C-alpha atoms as a PDB file:
ATOM      1  CA  UNK A   1       0.129  -0.124   0.023  1.00  0.00           C
ATOM      2  CA  UNK A   2       1.461   3.485  -0.870  1.00  0.00           C
ATOM      3  CA  UNK A   3       1.433   6.142   1.590  1.00  0.00           C
ATOM      4  CA  UNK A   4      -1.318   8.379   0.010  1.00  0.00           C
ATOM      5  CA  UNK A   5      -3.466   5.287   0.092  1.00  0.00           C
ATOM      6  CA  UNK A   6      -2.824   4.852   3.778  1.00  0.00           C
ATOM      7  CA  UNK A   7      -3.597   8.126   4.399  1.00  0.00           C
ATOM      8  CA  UNK A   8      -6.744   7.982   2.764  1.00  0.00           C
ATOM      9  CA  UNK A   9      -7.553   5.111   4.473  1.00  0.00           C
ATOM     10  CA  UNK A  10      -6.694   6.643   7.954  1.00  0.00           C
ATOM     11  CA  UNK A  11      -8.427   9.385   6.922  1.00  0.00           C
ATOM     12  CA  UNK A  12     -11.625   7.494   5.940  1.00  0.00           C
ATOM     13  CA  UNK A  13     -11.476   5.521   9.388  1.00  0.00           C
ATOM     14  CA  UNK A  14     -11.152   8.881  11.588  1.00  0.00           C
ATOM     15  CA  UNK A  15     -14.239  10.256   9.859  1.00  0.00           C
ATOM     16  CA  UNK A  16     -16.566   6.901  10.584  1.00  0.00           C
ATOM     17  CA  UNK A  17     -15.055   7.211  14.112  1.00  0.00           C
ATOM     18  CA  UNK A  18     -15.887  10.684  14.436  1.00  0.00           C
ATOM     19  CA  UNK A  19     -19.718  10.189  13.125  1.00  0.00           C
ATOM     20  CA  UNK A  20     -20.139   7.589  15.565  1.00  0.00           C
ATOM     21  CA  UNK A  21     -18.442   8.725  18.982  1.00  0.00           C
ATOM     22  CA  UNK A  22     -18.634  12.476  18.079  1.00  0.00           C
ATOM     23  CA  UNK A  23     -15.717  15.004  17.648  1.00  0.00           C
ATOM     24  CA  UNK A  24     -15.333  15.777  21.252  1.00  0.00           C
ATOM     25  CA  UNK A  25     -14.707  11.938  22.080  1.00  0.00           C
ATOM     26  CA  UNK A  26     -12.206  11.925  19.144  1.00  0.00           C
ATOM     27  CA  UNK A  27     -10.328  14.470  20.481  1.00  0.00           C
ATOM     28  CA  UNK A  28     -10.281  12.982  23.864  1.00  0.00           C
ATOM     29  CA  UNK A  29      -9.298  10.030  22.163  1.00  0.00           C
ATOM     30  CA  UNK A  30      -6.216  11.364  20.335  1.00  0.00           C
ATOM     31  CA  UNK A  31      -4.866  13.961  22.837  1.00  0.00           C
ATOM     32  CA  UNK A  32      -5.033  11.879  25.990  1.00  0.00           C
ATOM     33  CA  UNK A  33      -1.813  10.183  26.982  1.00  0.00           C
ATOM     34  CA  UNK A  34      -3.496   7.217  28.234  1.00  0.00           C
ATOM     35  CA  UNK A  35      -0.971   5.146  29.948  1.00  0.00           C
ATOM     36  CA  UNK A  36       0.186   8.499  31.589  1.00  0.00           C
ATOM     37  CA  UNK A  37      -2.981   9.453  32.284  1.00  0.00           C
ATOM     38  CA  UNK A  38      -3.929   5.847  33.718  1.00  0.00           C
ATOM     39  CA  UNK A  39      -0.980   5.824  36.165  1.00  0.00           C
ATOM     40  CA  UNK A  40      -2.856   8.258  38.481  1.00  0.00           C
ATOM     41  CA  UNK A  41      -5.403   5.563  39.080  1.00  0.00           C
ATOM     42  CA  UNK A  42      -3.313   2.558  38.794  1.00  0.00           C
ATOM     43  CA  UNK A  43      -3.416   0.269  41.879  1.00  0.00           C
ATOM     44  CA  UNK A  44       0.295  -1.157  41.847  1.00  0.00           C
ATOM     45  CA  UNK A  45      -1.148  -3.869  43.838  1.00  0.00           C
ATOM     46  CA  UNK A  46      -3.635  -5.118  41.330  1.00  0.00           C
ATOM     47  CA  UNK A  47      -3.437  -8.141  39.054  1.00  0.00           C
ATOM     48  CA  UNK A  48      -6.038  -8.533  36.127  1.00  0.00           C
ATOM     49  CA  UNK A  49      -7.554 -11.668  36.490  1.00  0.00           C
ATOM     50  CA  UNK A  50      -7.161 -13.852  33.479  1.00  0.00           C
ATOM     51  CA  UNK A  51     -11.394 -13.890  32.960  1.00  0.00           C
ATOM     52  CA  UNK A  52     -10.893  -9.931  32.031  1.00  0.00           C
ATOM     53  CA  UNK A  53      -7.460  -9.996  30.590  1.00  0.00           C
ATOM     54  CA  UNK A  54      -7.913 -12.590  27.979  1.00  0.00           C
ATOM     55  CA  UNK A  55     -11.222 -11.592  26.792  1.00  0.00           C
ATOM     56  CA  UNK A  56     -12.168  -9.083  23.842  1.00  0.00           C
ATOM     57  CA  UNK A  57     -15.230  -7.428  25.213  1.00  0.00           C
ATOM     58  CA  UNK A  58     -17.178  -5.705  22.279  1.00  0.00           C
ATOM     59  CA  UNK A  59     -15.027  -7.244  19.651  1.00  0.00           C
ATOM     60  CA  UNK A  60     -12.368  -4.763  20.847  1.00  0.00           C
ATOM     61  CA  UNK A  61      -8.529  -6.318  21.113  1.00  0.00           C
ATOM     62  CA  UNK A  62      -7.484  -6.564  24.773  1.00  0.00           C
ATOM     63  CA  UNK A  63     -10.858  -5.356  25.888  1.00  0.00           C
ATOM     64  CA  UNK A  64     -11.045  -2.971  28.709  1.00  0.00           C
ATOM     65  CA  UNK A  65      -7.811  -2.738  28.691  1.00  0.00           C
ATOM     66  CA  UNK A  66      -7.718  -1.062  25.656  1.00  0.00           C
ATOM     67  CA  UNK A  67      -8.381   2.797  25.385  1.00  0.00           C
ATOM     68  CA  UNK A  68     -10.459   2.196  22.532  1.00  0.00           C
ATOM     69  CA  UNK A  69     -12.924   0.255  24.592  1.00  0.00           C
ATOM     70  CA  UNK A  70     -13.294   3.470  26.573  1.00  0.00           C
ATOM     71  CA  UNK A  71     -14.100   6.085  24.035  1.00  0.00           C
ATOM     72  CA  UNK A  72     -16.611   3.474  22.493  1.00  0.00           C
ATOM     73  CA  UNK A  73     -18.492   2.112  25.682  1.00  0.00           C
ATOM     74  CA  UNK A  74     -20.832   4.946  25.967  1.00  0.00           C
ATOM     75  CA  UNK A  75     -21.855   4.317  22.359  1.00  0.00           C
ATOM     76  CA  UNK A  76     -22.288   0.837  22.652  1.00  0.00           C
ATOM     77  CA  UNK A  77     -24.171   1.127  26.261  1.00  0.00           C
ATOM     78  CA  UNK A  78     -26.388   3.233  24.463  1.00  0.00           C
ATOM     79  CA  UNK A  79     -27.292   1.350  21.580  1.00  0.00           C
ATOM     80  CA  UNK A  80     -27.677  -1.417  23.795  1.00  0.00           C
ATOM     81  CA  UNK A  81     -30.345   0.136  26.474  1.00  0.00           C
ATOM     82  CA  UNK A  82     -33.347   0.788  24.097  1.00  0.00           C
ATOM     83  CA  UNK A  83     -35.707   2.509  24.269  1.00  0.00           C
ATOM     84  CA  UNK A  84     -33.435   5.374  25.955  1.00  0.00           C
ATOM     85  CA  UNK A  85     -30.225   4.689  27.958  1.00  0.00           C
ATOM     86  CA  UNK A  86     -30.550   7.744  30.580  1.00  0.00           C
ATOM     87  CA  UNK A  87     -34.305   6.509  31.428  1.00  0.00           C
ATOM     88  CA  UNK A  88     -33.131   3.142  31.757  1.00  0.00           C
ATOM     89  CA  UNK A  89     -30.178   4.269  34.332  1.00  0.00           C
ATOM     90  CA  UNK A  90     -33.116   6.392  35.854  1.00  0.00           C
ATOM     91  CA  UNK A  91     -34.748   3.050  36.967  1.00  0.00           C
ATOM     92  CA  UNK A  92     -31.883   2.141  39.150  1.00  0.00           C
ATOM     93  CA  UNK A  93     -32.102   5.328  41.181  1.00  0.00           C
ATOM     94  CA  UNK A  94     -36.161   4.900  41.512  1.00  0.00           C
ATOM     95  CA  UNK A  95     -35.917   1.711  43.346  1.00  0.00           C
ATOM     96  CA  UNK A  96     -33.686   3.145  45.931  1.00  0.00           C
ATOM     97  CA  UNK A  97     -35.494   3.269  49.284  1.00  0.00           C
ATOM     98  CA  UNK A  98     -32.891   5.047  51.515  1.00  0.00           C
ATOM     99  CA  UNK A  99     -31.133   8.690  51.681  1.00  0.00           C
ATOM    100  CA  UNK A 100     -27.546   7.331  51.272  1.00  0.00           C
ATOM    101  CA  UNK A 101     -24.677   9.436  52.624  1.00  0.00           C
ATOM    102  CA  UNK A 102     -22.044   6.935  51.139  1.00  0.00           C
ATOM    103  CA  UNK A 103     -22.689   5.477  47.666  1.00  0.00           C
ATOM    104  CA  UNK A 104     -20.253   2.792  45.808  1.00  0.00           C
ATOM    105  CA  UNK A 105     -20.730   2.352  42.427  1.00  0.00           C
ATOM    106  CA  UNK A 106     -19.098  -1.188  41.277  1.00  0.00           C
ATOM    107  CA  UNK A 107     -17.784  -1.626  37.743  1.00  0.00           C
ATOM    108  CA  UNK A 108     -18.461   2.206  37.025  1.00  0.00           C
ATOM    109  CA  UNK A 109     -17.173   2.304  33.795  1.00  0.00           C
ATOM    110  CA  UNK A 110     -17.298   5.846  32.329  1.00  0.00           C
ATOM    111  CA  UNK A 111     -19.444   6.613  35.293  1.00  0.00           C
ATOM    112  CA  UNK A 112     -22.891   7.472  33.829  1.00  0.00           C
ATOM    113  CA  UNK A 113     -24.489   5.561  36.676  1.00  0.00           C
ATOM    114  CA  UNK A 114     -22.095   7.465  38.908  1.00  0.00           C
ATOM    115  CA  UNK A 115     -22.900  10.824  37.835  1.00  0.00           C
ATOM    116  CA  UNK A 116     -26.711  10.308  38.001  1.00  0.00           C
ATOM    117  CA  UNK A 117     -26.090   8.957  41.893  1.00  0.00           C
ATOM    118  CA  UNK A 118     -24.417  11.863  42.744  1.00  0.00           C
ATOM    119  CA  UNK A 119     -27.114  14.200  41.015  1.00  0.00           C
ATOM    120  CA  UNK A 120     -29.821  12.297  42.900  1.00  0.00           C
ATOM    121  CA  UNK A 121     -27.944  12.438  46.035  1.00  0.00           C
ATOM    122  CA  UNK A 122     -25.720  15.574  46.441  1.00  0.00           C
ATOM    123  CA  UNK A 123     -25.354  15.195  49.723  1.00  0.00           C
ATOM    124  CA  UNK A 124     -23.614  11.726  49.616  1.00  0.00           C
ATOM    125  CA  UNK A 125     -20.062  10.936  49.178  1.00  0.00           C
ATOM    126  CA  UNK A 126     -19.788   8.814  45.942  1.00  0.00           C
ATOM    127  CA  UNK A 127     -17.136   6.494  45.015  1.00  0.00           C
ATOM    128  CA  UNK A 128     -16.782   4.814  41.492  1.00  0.00           C
ATOM    129  CA  UNK A 129     -14.658   1.831  41.058  1.00  0.00           C
ATOM    130  CA  UNK A 130     -13.406   0.044  38.050  1.00  0.00           C
ATOM    131  CA  UNK A 131     -10.964  -2.408  36.726  1.00  0.00           C
ATOM    132  CA  UNK A 132      -9.975  -0.331  33.642  1.00  0.00           C
ATOM    133  CA  UNK A 133      -8.074   2.581  34.423  1.00  0.00           C
ATOM    134  CA  UNK A 134      -8.915   3.942  30.729  1.00  0.00           C
ATOM    135  CA  UNK A 135     -12.489   3.882  31.691  1.00  0.00           C
ATOM    136  CA  UNK A 136     -11.510   5.748  35.053  1.00  0.00           C
ATOM    137  CA  UNK A 137      -9.953   8.547  33.175  1.00  0.00           C
ATOM    138  CA  UNK A 138     -12.786   9.325  30.885  1.00  0.00           C
ATOM    139  CA  UNK A 139     -14.857   9.039  34.018  1.00  0.00           C
ATOM    140  CA  UNK A 140     -12.923  11.654  35.654  1.00  0.00           C
ATOM    141  CA  UNK A 141     -13.021  13.879  32.601  1.00  0.00           C
ATOM    142  CA  UNK A 142     -17.045  13.502  32.438  1.00  0.00           C
ATOM    143  CA  UNK A 143     -17.182  13.937  36.182  1.00  0.00           C
ATOM    144  CA  UNK A 144     -15.369  17.355  36.245  1.00  0.00           C
ATOM    145  CA  UNK A 145     -17.121  18.562  33.051  1.00  0.00           C
ATOM    146  CA  UNK A 146     -20.926  17.764  35.249  1.00  0.00           C
ATOM    147  CA  UNK A 147     -18.736  19.750  38.198  1.00  0.00           C
ATOM    148  CA  UNK A 148     -19.516  16.752  39.876  1.00  0.00           C
ATOM    149  CA  UNK A 149     -16.866  15.472  43.189  1.00  0.00           C
ATOM    150  CA  UNK A 150     -16.533  11.942  42.590  1.00  0.00           C
ATOM    151  CA  UNK A 151     -14.155   9.697  43.938  1.00  0.00           C
ATOM    152  CA  UNK A 152     -12.514   6.864  41.533  1.00  0.00           C
ATOM    153  CA  UNK A 153     -10.902   4.015  42.469  1.00  0.00           C
ATOM    154  CA  UNK A 154      -9.386   1.240  40.463  1.00  0.00           C
ATOM    155  CA  UNK A 155      -9.900  -2.385  41.667  1.00  0.00           C
ATOM    156  CA  UNK A 156     -11.792  -5.659  41.463  1.00  0.00           C
ATOM    157  CA  UNK A 157     -15.592  -5.313  42.036  1.00  0.00           C
ATOM    158  CA  UNK A 158     -15.362  -8.882  43.914  1.00  0.00           C
ATOM    159  CA  UNK A 159     -12.586  -7.748  46.028  1.00  0.00           C
ATOM    160  CA  UNK A 160     -12.311  -4.081  46.590  1.00  0.00           C
ATOM    161  CA  UNK A 161     -10.370  -4.077  49.694  1.00  0.00           C
ATOM    162  CA  UNK A 162     -12.842  -1.561  51.124  1.00  0.00           C
ATOM    163  CA  UNK A 163     -13.859  -1.590  54.605  1.00  0.00           C
ATOM    164  CA  UNK A 164     -16.706  -3.886  55.592  1.00  0.00           C
ATOM    165  CA  UNK A 165     -20.334  -2.619  56.834  1.00  0.00           C
ATOM    166  CA  UNK A 166     -19.088   0.821  55.374  1.00  0.00           C
ATOM    167  CA  UNK A 167     -21.709   1.931  52.550  1.00  0.00           C
ATOM    168  CA  UNK A 168     -25.076   2.621  52.531  1.00  0.00           C
ATOM    169  CA  UNK A 169     -25.659   1.705  49.010  1.00  0.00           C
ATOM    170  CA  UNK A 170     -24.138  -0.352  46.511  1.00  0.00           C
ATOM    171  CA  UNK A 171     -24.829  -0.379  42.907  1.00  0.00           C
ATOM    172  CA  UNK A 172     -23.850  -2.551  39.949  1.00  0.00           C
ATOM    173  CA  UNK A 173     -24.876  -1.583  36.466  1.00  0.00           C
ATOM    174  CA  UNK A 174     -24.399  -3.412  33.195  1.00  0.00           C
ATOM    175  CA  UNK A 175     -21.332  -5.381  34.876  1.00  0.00           C
ATOM    176  CA  UNK A 176     -22.496  -9.050  35.782  1.00  0.00           C
ATOM    177  CA  UNK A 177     -22.875  -9.879  32.332  1.00  0.00           C
ATOM    178  CA  UNK A 178     -19.291  -8.980  31.689  1.00  0.00           C
ATOM    179  CA  UNK A 179     -17.806 -11.707  34.242  1.00  0.00           C
ATOM    180  CA  UNK A 180     -18.273 -15.370  34.459  1.00  0.00           C
ATOM    181  CA  UNK A 181     -21.026 -16.524  37.190  1.00  0.00           C
ATOM    182  CA  UNK A 182     -18.399 -17.298  40.013  1.00  0.00           C
ATOM    183  CA  UNK A 183     -17.562 -13.401  39.710  1.00  0.00           C
ATOM    184  CA  UNK A 184     -20.874 -12.254  39.612  1.00  0.00           C
ATOM    185  CA  UNK A 185     -21.903 -14.139  42.670  1.00  0.00           C
ATOM    186  CA  UNK A 186     -18.513 -13.015  44.395  1.00  0.00           C
ATOM    187  CA  UNK A 187     -19.459  -9.539  43.471  1.00  0.00           C
ATOM    188  CA  UNK A 188     -23.014  -9.721  45.087  1.00  0.00           C
ATOM    189  CA  UNK A 189     -20.946 -11.319  48.348  1.00  0.00           C
ATOM    190  CA  UNK A 190     -18.775  -8.208  48.434  1.00  0.00           C
ATOM    191  CA  UNK A 191     -21.871  -5.864  48.013  1.00  0.00           C
ATOM    192  CA  UNK A 192     -23.390  -7.584  51.162  1.00  0.00           C
ATOM    193  CA  UNK A 193     -20.069  -7.329  52.781  1.00  0.00           C
ATOM    194  CA  UNK A 194     -19.737  -3.690  52.327  1.00  0.00           C
ATOM    195  CA  UNK A 195     -22.881  -2.410  53.252  1.00  0.00           C
ATOM    196  CA  UNK A 196     -24.033  -1.132  56.563  1.00  0.00           C
ATOM    197  CA  UNK A 197     -26.992  -3.321  58.240  1.00  0.00           C
ATOM    198  CA  UNK A 198     -30.065  -1.796  56.503  1.00  0.00           C
ATOM    199  CA  UNK A 199     -28.146  -0.864  53.422  1.00  0.00           C
ATOM    200  CA  UNK A 200     -29.101  -1.259  50.014  1.00  0.00           C
ATOM    201  CA  UNK A 201     -27.882  -3.080  47.037  1.00  0.00           C
ATOM    202  CA  UNK A 202     -29.153  -2.218  43.077  1.00  0.00           C
ATOM    203  CA  UNK A 203     -28.266  -4.353  40.125  1.00  0.00           C
ATOM    204  CA  UNK A 204     -29.199  -2.988  36.449  1.00  0.00           C
ATOM    205  CA  UNK A 205     -28.198  -5.208  33.948  1.00  0.00           C
ATOM    206  CA  UNK A 206     -29.673  -7.160  30.920  1.00  0.00           C
ATOM    207  CA  UNK A 207     -33.089  -8.918  31.180  1.00  0.00           C
ATOM    208  CA  UNK A 208     -32.405 -12.828  31.776  1.00  0.00           C
ATOM    209  CA  UNK A 209     -35.406 -14.171  30.458  1.00  0.00           C
ATOM    210  CA  UNK A 210     -35.169 -12.322  27.371  1.00  0.00           C
ATOM    211  CA  UNK A 211     -31.666 -12.852  26.873  1.00  0.00           C
ATOM    212  CA  UNK A 212     -31.300 -16.688  27.244  1.00  0.00           C
ATOM    213  CA  UNK A 213     -33.758 -17.167  23.994  1.00  0.00           C
ATOM    214  CA  UNK A 214     -32.132 -14.010  22.085  1.00  0.00           C
ATOM    215  CA  UNK A 215     -28.665 -15.610  20.950  1.00  0.00           C
ATOM    216  CA  UNK A 216     -28.347 -13.029  18.225  1.00  0.00           C
ATOM    217  CA  UNK A 217     -28.593 -10.300  20.215  1.00  0.00           C
ATOM    218  CA  UNK A 218     -25.588 -11.751  22.593  1.00  0.00           C
ATOM    219  CA  UNK A 219     -23.742 -12.244  19.219  1.00  0.00           C
ATOM    220  CA  UNK A 220     -24.259  -8.877  17.884  1.00  0.00           C
ATOM    221  CA  UNK A 221     -22.734  -7.168  21.205  1.00  0.00           C
ATOM    222  CA  UNK A 222     -19.751  -9.718  21.077  1.00  0.00           C
ATOM    223  CA  UNK A 223     -20.072 -10.590  25.199  1.00  0.00           C
ATOM    224  CA  UNK A 224     -17.826 -13.311  26.176  1.00  0.00           C
ATOM    225  CA  UNK A 225     -20.292 -13.954  29.395  1.00  0.00           C
ATOM    226  CA  UNK A 226     -23.433 -12.896  28.386  1.00  0.00           C
ATOM    227  CA  UNK A 227     -24.686 -16.345  27.467  1.00  0.00           C
ATOM    228  CA  UNK A 228     -23.907 -17.749  30.920  1.00  0.00           C
ATOM    229  CA  UNK A 229     -25.352 -14.544  32.795  1.00  0.00           C
ATOM    230  CA  UNK A 230     -28.642 -14.879  30.776  1.00  0.00           C
ATOM    231  CA  UNK A 231     -28.797 -18.676  32.006  1.00  0.00           C
ATOM    232  CA  UNK A 232     -28.356 -17.815  35.663  1.00  0.00           C
ATOM    233  CA  UNK A 233     -30.261 -16.036  38.163  1.00  0.00           C
ATOM    234  CA  UNK A 234     -29.430 -12.397  39.799  1.00  0.00           C
ATOM    235  CA  UNK A 235     -32.467 -13.043  42.216  1.00  0.00           C
ATOM    236  CA  UNK A 236     -30.765 -16.360  43.202  1.00  0.00           C
ATOM    237  CA  UNK A 237     -27.174 -15.345  43.525  1.00  0.00           C
ATOM    238  CA  UNK A 238     -28.430 -12.221  45.813  1.00  0.00           C
ATOM    239  CA  UNK A 239     -30.239 -14.229  47.919  1.00  0.00           C
ATOM    240  CA  UNK A 240     -27.414 -16.922  47.911  1.00  0.00           C
ATOM    241  CA  UNK A 241     -24.946 -13.582  49.235  1.00  0.00           C
ATOM    242  CA  UNK A 242     -27.358 -13.283  52.125  1.00  0.00           C
ATOM    243  CA  UNK A 243     -29.743 -10.057  50.659  1.00  0.00           C
ATOM    244  CA  UNK A 244     -33.121 -10.027  51.712  1.00  0.00           C
ATOM    245  CA  UNK A 245     -36.623  -8.895  50.395  1.00  0.00           C
ATOM    246  CA  UNK A 246     -34.998  -9.367  46.885  1.00  0.00           C
ATOM    247  CA  UNK A 247     -37.216  -8.127  44.025  1.00  0.00           C
ATOM    248  CA  UNK A 248     -36.445  -7.713  40.245  1.00  0.00           C
ATOM    249  CA  UNK A 249     -38.549  -5.189  38.158  1.00  0.00           C
ATOM    250  CA  UNK A 250     -38.155  -5.687  34.069  1.00  0.00           C
ATOM    251  CA  UNK A 251     -37.988  -2.570  32.558  1.00  0.00           C
ATOM    252  CA  UNK A 252     -37.422  -0.945  28.958  1.00  0.00           C
ATOM    253  CA  UNK A 253     -37.056  -3.456  26.045  1.00  0.00           C
ATOM    254  CA  UNK A 254     -34.245  -5.482  27.449  1.00  0.00           C
ATOM    255  CA  UNK A 255     -33.135  -4.748  30.843  1.00  0.00           C
ATOM    256  CA  UNK A 256     -33.838  -5.739  34.582  1.00  0.00           C
ATOM    257  CA  UNK A 257     -33.262  -4.126  37.821  1.00  0.00           C
ATOM    258  CA  UNK A 258     -32.843  -6.039  40.930  1.00  0.00           C
ATOM    259  CA  UNK A 259     -32.906  -4.709  44.366  1.00  0.00           C
ATOM    260  CA  UNK A 260     -31.947  -6.477  47.907  1.00  0.00           C
ATOM    261  CA  UNK A 261     -31.395  -5.408  51.328  1.00  0.00           C
ATOM    262  CA  UNK A 262     -28.910  -6.367  53.927  1.00  0.00           C
ATOM    263  CA  UNK A 263     -31.075  -6.576  57.000  1.00  0.00           C
ATOM    264  CA  UNK A 264     -30.140  -5.206  60.437  1.00  0.00           C
ATOM    265  CA  UNK A 265     -29.400  -8.237  62.400  1.00  0.00           C
ATOM    266  CA  UNK A 266     -27.046  -9.597  59.712  1.00  0.00           C
ATOM    267  CA  UNK A 267     -23.352  -9.621  60.210  1.00  0.00           C
END
């Protein structure tokens, strides 16, 4: 391929990306030193687990360890959250019954839900935790743009290292379908450990009843664990983790939101 042909292809590719993700996201992608910025968040004691580092999420090579996954994540999530992503995420907030003062959003990604939680509960200290430093770089950018004070941590949702019996609310949005079922259950056990007695856990994710009959949808989004997620039950996983009053509501076209409570007499 000649130099001019290569340049034309690069320009064409850039035009397609700009059209899909918008000029601002493209500018962020091109102007950000992802390695340098990621170091600010990086937990040096953390090792990426095999289930995470060996997979190509959304068909992107190296998955969330690739900054392209971060910069395209909002686009993919919006497409996967009909009829409207913002409305779908608001349903998570709608089922919260407490007035939390300390909130943890596990697997926060680019912080779409985290920002909404902080806006809904401005008095609360809000923390977003994710395993991808690239995601955290973009999450911080979004929080800064929205002028919201949110703390971001680099860590494993199933083993945060945070103090037990601390949080009033722990949320998990669109994470469990991206982990093997045994890890999903560990994440919910970690939610239970982290919550104060009386605290709530809210899980927003794909509708398992629908997804188990729509293999084509799973193939479309090229998710490595969605099929096994669909065959399980978040209700059962939460009850096994120790939660009480577990209830799932089916929302939108292909989502569900599940709420559970850590009873006061549970340790």
